[in-house]
Amino acid sequence: MRTETHQIRIVGGGQFACPEGERVLIAMERSGGNDIGVGCRGGGCGFCVVRVVEGEYRTGKMSTAKVSVADQAKGYVLACRLYPLNDLVIEIG
């Protein structure tokens, strides 16, 4: 089975590749980027909040204390819990 790689573009920032099934924050770090803030990498600190402007994605478990259900409906997610399903355009939260 072939894993697709998606392009992640940050509004006003860089661009990097992220394999499907890999978290956006980890892919950014691996590529040498530093546009997104890095905290706990575990979904609890809220430091890596971003808003998905374009594209489809899924998320892992996130603290609703850091990203409310209402904010999630507006596209806000934690980059450490963000998995692209196709190319994404994101902005720093």
N, C-alpha and C. Protein backbone atom coordinates (compact mmCIF):
# COMPACT_ATOMS: atom_id res chain seq x y z
N MET A 1 0.83 -1.19 0.00
CA MET A 1 0.00 0.00 0.00
C MET A 1 0.88 1.25 0.00
N ARG A 2 0.59 2.17 -0.89
CA ARG A 2 1.37 3.39 -1.02
C ARG A 2 0.76 4.49 -0.16
N THR A 3 1.60 5.18 0.60
CA THR A 3 1.15 6.30 1.41
C THR A 3 1.27 7.57 0.59
N GLU A 4 0.18 8.31 0.50
CA GLU A 4 0.21 9.58 -0.23
C GLU A 4 0.91 10.64 0.60
N THR A 5 1.56 11.56 -0.08
CA THR A 5 2.19 12.70 0.57
C THR A 5 1.44 13.94 0.15
N HIS A 6 1.13 14.78 1.12
CA HIS A 6 0.36 15.99 0.88
C HIS A 6 1.23 17.21 1.16
N GLN A 7 0.94 18.30 0.45
CA GLN A 7 1.63 19.56 0.66
C GLN A 7 0.87 20.38 1.70
N ILE A 8 1.60 20.91 2.65
CA ILE A 8 1.03 21.77 3.68
C ILE A 8 1.61 23.16 3.46
N ARG A 9 0.74 24.13 3.21
CA ARG A 9 1.20 25.50 3.01
C ARG A 9 0.68 26.35 4.15
N ILE A 10 1.58 27.13 4.74
CA ILE A 10 1.22 28.01 5.84
C ILE A 10 1.07 29.42 5.28
N VAL A 11 -0.09 30.04 5.51
CA VAL A 11 -0.34 31.39 5.03
C VAL A 11 0.72 32.32 5.64
N GLY A 12 1.46 33.01 4.76
CA GLY A 12 2.51 33.91 5.22
C GLY A 12 3.76 33.21 5.72
N GLY A 13 3.85 31.90 5.48
CA GLY A 13 5.00 31.13 5.96
C GLY A 13 5.49 30.14 4.93
N GLY A 14 5.98 29.03 5.42
CA GLY A 14 6.59 28.03 4.57
C GLY A 14 5.62 27.00 4.03
N GLN A 15 6.22 26.01 3.37
CA GLN A 15 5.48 24.88 2.81
C GLN A 15 6.33 23.64 3.02
N PHE A 16 5.67 22.52 3.27
CA PHE A 16 6.39 21.26 3.48
C PHE A 16 5.49 20.09 3.13
N ALA A 17 6.11 18.94 2.97
CA ALA A 17 5.37 17.71 2.65
C ALA A 17 5.02 16.97 3.93
N CYS A 18 3.84 16.36 3.92
CA CYS A 18 3.40 15.57 5.07
C CYS A 18 2.75 14.29 4.56
N PRO A 19 3.36 13.14 4.85
CA PRO A 19 2.74 11.88 4.45
C PRO A 19 1.40 11.68 5.16
N GLU A 20 0.44 11.10 4.45
CA GLU A 20 -0.84 10.78 5.08
C GLU A 20 -0.56 9.83 6.24
N GLY A 21 -1.15 10.08 7.37
CA GLY A 21 -0.91 9.26 8.55
C GLY A 21 0.13 9.85 9.48
N GLU A 22 0.79 10.93 9.05
CA GLU A 22 1.75 11.61 9.92
C GLU A 22 1.13 12.93 10.39
N ARG A 23 1.44 13.31 11.60
CA ARG A 23 0.93 14.57 12.16
C ARG A 23 1.65 15.75 11.50
N VAL A 24 0.90 16.80 11.22
CA VAL A 24 1.43 17.98 10.54
C VAL A 24 2.60 18.59 11.33
N LEU A 25 2.48 18.68 12.63
CA LEU A 25 3.55 19.28 13.44
C LEU A 25 4.85 18.49 13.30
N ILE A 26 4.76 17.18 13.32
CA ILE A 26 5.95 16.33 13.22
C ILE A 26 6.57 16.47 11.82
N ALA A 27 5.73 16.51 10.79
CA ALA A 27 6.24 16.68 9.42
C ALA A 27 6.94 18.02 9.27
N MET A 28 6.38 19.07 9.89
CA MET A 28 7.03 20.39 9.82
C MET A 28 8.40 20.34 10.49
N GLU A 29 8.47 19.75 11.66
CA GLU A 29 9.76 19.65 12.36
C GLU A 29 10.76 18.85 11.54
N ARG A 30 10.32 17.73 10.97
CA ARG A 30 11.20 16.88 10.17
C ARG A 30 11.76 17.63 8.97
N SER A 31 10.93 18.54 8.40
CA SER A 31 11.37 19.29 7.22
C SER A 31 12.28 20.47 7.58
N GLY A 32 12.46 20.72 8.88
CA GLY A 32 13.30 21.83 9.31
C GLY A 32 12.56 23.13 9.49
N GLY A 33 11.24 23.10 9.33
CA GLY A 33 10.43 24.31 9.49
C GLY A 33 10.22 24.68 10.95
N ASN A 34 9.82 25.93 11.17
CA ASN A 34 9.54 26.37 12.54
C ASN A 34 8.41 27.39 12.60
N ASP A 35 7.52 27.37 11.61
CA ASP A 35 6.41 28.32 11.57
C ASP A 35 5.39 28.08 12.68
N ILE A 36 5.13 26.83 13.01
CA ILE A 36 4.14 26.47 14.02
C ILE A 36 4.85 26.32 15.36
N GLY A 37 4.26 26.88 16.40
CA GLY A 37 4.83 26.74 17.74
C GLY A 37 4.81 25.30 18.21
N VAL A 38 5.87 24.88 18.87
CA VAL A 38 5.98 23.50 19.34
C VAL A 38 5.95 23.49 20.86
N GLY A 39 5.03 22.70 21.41
CA GLY A 39 4.92 22.57 22.86
C GLY A 39 5.08 21.11 23.25
N CYS A 40 4.02 20.56 23.81
CA CYS A 40 4.08 19.20 24.37
C CYS A 40 4.04 18.09 23.33
N ARG A 41 3.56 18.38 22.12
CA ARG A 41 3.38 17.40 21.03
C ARG A 41 2.35 16.33 21.37
N GLY A 42 1.59 16.54 22.46
CA GLY A 42 0.66 15.50 22.89
C GLY A 42 -0.80 15.90 22.93
N GLY A 43 -1.14 17.09 22.43
CA GLY A 43 -2.54 17.50 22.38
C GLY A 43 -3.07 18.18 23.62
N GLY A 44 -2.20 18.49 24.56
CA GLY A 44 -2.69 19.05 25.82
C GLY A 44 -2.33 20.49 26.11
N CYS A 45 -1.31 21.03 25.45
CA CYS A 45 -0.85 22.38 25.83
C CYS A 45 -1.50 23.49 25.00
N GLY A 46 -1.91 23.20 23.78
CA GLY A 46 -2.56 24.19 22.94
C GLY A 46 -1.61 25.15 22.22
N PHE A 47 -0.32 24.94 22.36
CA PHE A 47 0.66 25.87 21.80
C PHE A 47 0.69 25.82 20.27
N CYS A 48 0.30 24.70 19.68
CA CYS A 48 0.42 24.52 18.23
C CYS A 48 -0.90 24.72 17.49
N VAL A 49 -1.80 25.51 18.05
CA VAL A 49 -3.11 25.70 17.41
C VAL A 49 -2.96 26.40 16.06
N VAL A 50 -3.66 25.85 15.07
CA VAL A 50 -3.69 26.41 13.72
C VAL A 50 -5.14 26.37 13.23
N ARG A 51 -5.41 27.08 12.15
CA ARG A 51 -6.72 27.00 11.53
C ARG A 51 -6.54 26.48 10.11
N VAL A 52 -7.29 25.44 9.78
CA VAL A 52 -7.25 24.90 8.42
C VAL A 52 -8.14 25.77 7.55
N VAL A 53 -7.53 26.39 6.55
CA VAL A 53 -8.23 27.30 5.63
C VAL A 53 -8.77 26.52 4.44
N GLU A 54 -7.99 25.56 3.94
CA GLU A 54 -8.39 24.74 2.80
C GLU A 54 -7.90 23.32 3.01
N GLY A 55 -8.69 22.36 2.54
CA GLY A 55 -8.28 20.97 2.56
C GLY A 55 -9.06 20.13 3.55
N GLU A 56 -8.92 18.83 3.37
CA GLU A 56 -9.60 17.86 4.22
C GLU A 56 -8.59 17.23 5.17
N TYR A 57 -9.07 16.91 6.36
CA TYR A 57 -8.18 16.40 7.39
C TYR A 57 -8.97 15.60 8.41
N ARG A 58 -8.25 14.92 9.25
CA ARG A 58 -8.83 14.29 10.43
C ARG A 58 -7.96 14.69 11.61
N THR A 59 -8.50 14.55 12.80
CA THR A 59 -7.71 14.88 13.99
C THR A 59 -7.73 13.73 14.97
N GLY A 60 -6.69 13.70 15.78
CA GLY A 60 -6.66 12.79 16.92
C GLY A 60 -7.29 13.51 18.10
N LYS A 61 -7.26 12.88 19.25
CA LYS A 61 -7.86 13.44 20.46
C LYS A 61 -7.16 14.74 20.85
N MET A 62 -7.96 15.79 21.09
CA MET A 62 -7.44 17.09 21.51
C MET A 62 -8.16 17.52 22.79
N SER A 63 -7.49 18.30 23.59
CA SER A 63 -8.10 18.86 24.79
C SER A 63 -9.11 19.94 24.38
N THR A 64 -10.37 19.78 24.76
CA THR A 64 -11.37 20.81 24.45
C THR A 64 -11.15 22.05 25.31
N ALA A 65 -10.31 21.95 26.32
CA ALA A 65 -9.93 23.13 27.09
C ALA A 65 -9.02 24.03 26.25
N LYS A 66 -8.34 23.46 25.26
CA LYS A 66 -7.42 24.21 24.40
C LYS A 66 -8.06 24.59 23.07
N VAL A 67 -8.90 23.72 22.53
CA VAL A 67 -9.62 23.99 21.28
C VAL A 67 -11.07 23.54 21.51
N SER A 68 -11.95 24.51 21.70
CA SER A 68 -13.34 24.19 21.99
C SER A 68 -14.02 23.55 20.78
N VAL A 69 -15.16 22.93 21.01
CA VAL A 69 -15.93 22.34 19.93
C VAL A 69 -16.34 23.42 18.94
N ALA A 70 -16.70 24.61 19.44
CA ALA A 70 -17.07 25.73 18.56
C ALA A 70 -15.88 26.16 17.70
N ASP A 71 -14.69 26.22 18.28
CA ASP A 71 -13.49 26.56 17.51
C ASP A 71 -13.16 25.49 16.48
N GLN A 72 -13.34 24.23 16.86
CA GLN A 72 -13.09 23.14 15.92
C GLN A 72 -14.01 23.26 14.71
N ALA A 73 -15.24 23.69 14.93
CA ALA A 73 -16.19 23.87 13.83
C ALA A 73 -15.74 24.98 12.88
N LYS A 74 -14.91 25.90 13.36
CA LYS A 74 -14.37 26.99 12.55
C LYS A 74 -13.04 26.61 11.90
N GLY A 75 -12.59 25.36 12.11
CA GLY A 75 -11.36 24.89 11.48
C GLY A 75 -10.13 24.93 12.36
N TYR A 76 -10.27 25.33 13.63
CA TYR A 76 -9.12 25.37 14.53
C TYR A 76 -8.82 23.97 15.06
N VAL A 77 -7.56 23.62 15.01
CA VAL A 77 -7.10 22.31 15.47
C VAL A 77 -5.69 22.45 16.04
N LEU A 78 -5.24 21.43 16.73
CA LEU A 78 -3.85 21.38 17.19
C LEU A 78 -3.03 20.67 16.12
N ALA A 79 -1.96 21.30 15.68
CA ALA A 79 -1.13 20.72 14.61
C ALA A 79 -0.54 19.38 15.02
N CYS A 80 -0.36 19.16 16.32
CA CYS A 80 0.18 17.88 16.77
C CYS A 80 -0.85 16.76 16.70
N ARG A 81 -2.09 17.10 16.38
CA ARG A 81 -3.16 16.12 16.25
C ARG A 81 -3.85 16.21 14.89
N LEU A 82 -3.18 16.87 13.94
CA LEU A 82 -3.74 17.13 12.62
C LEU A 82 -3.12 16.19 11.59
N TYR A 83 -3.97 15.42 10.92
CA TYR A 83 -3.54 14.47 9.88
C TYR A 83 -4.19 14.88 8.56
N PRO A 84 -3.39 15.23 7.54
CA PRO A 84 -3.99 15.64 6.27
C PRO A 84 -4.57 14.46 5.49
N LEU A 85 -5.68 14.73 4.81
CA LEU A 85 -6.25 13.75 3.88
C LEU A 85 -6.02 14.18 2.44
N ASN A 86 -5.64 15.45 2.26
CA ASN A 86 -5.19 15.98 0.97
C ASN A 86 -4.35 17.23 1.28
N ASP A 87 -3.98 18.00 0.27
CA ASP A 87 -3.18 19.19 0.51
C ASP A 87 -3.95 20.15 1.41
N LEU A 88 -3.22 20.81 2.32
CA LEU A 88 -3.83 21.75 3.26
C LEU A 88 -3.21 23.13 3.14
N VAL A 89 -4.03 24.13 3.39
CA VAL A 89 -3.57 25.50 3.62
C VAL A 89 -3.99 25.81 5.05
N ILE A 90 -3.00 26.21 5.87
CA ILE A 90 -3.30 26.51 7.27
C ILE A 90 -2.77 27.89 7.62
N GLU A 91 -3.35 28.46 8.67
CA GLU A 91 -2.81 29.69 9.20
C GLU A 91 -2.56 29.49 10.68
N ILE A 92 -1.56 30.18 11.17
CA ILE A 92 -1.20 30.06 12.59
C ILE A 92 -2.30 30.68 13.41
N GLY A 93 -2.78 29.91 14.41
CA GLY A 93 -3.91 30.28 15.24
C GLY A 93 -3.79 31.55 15.95
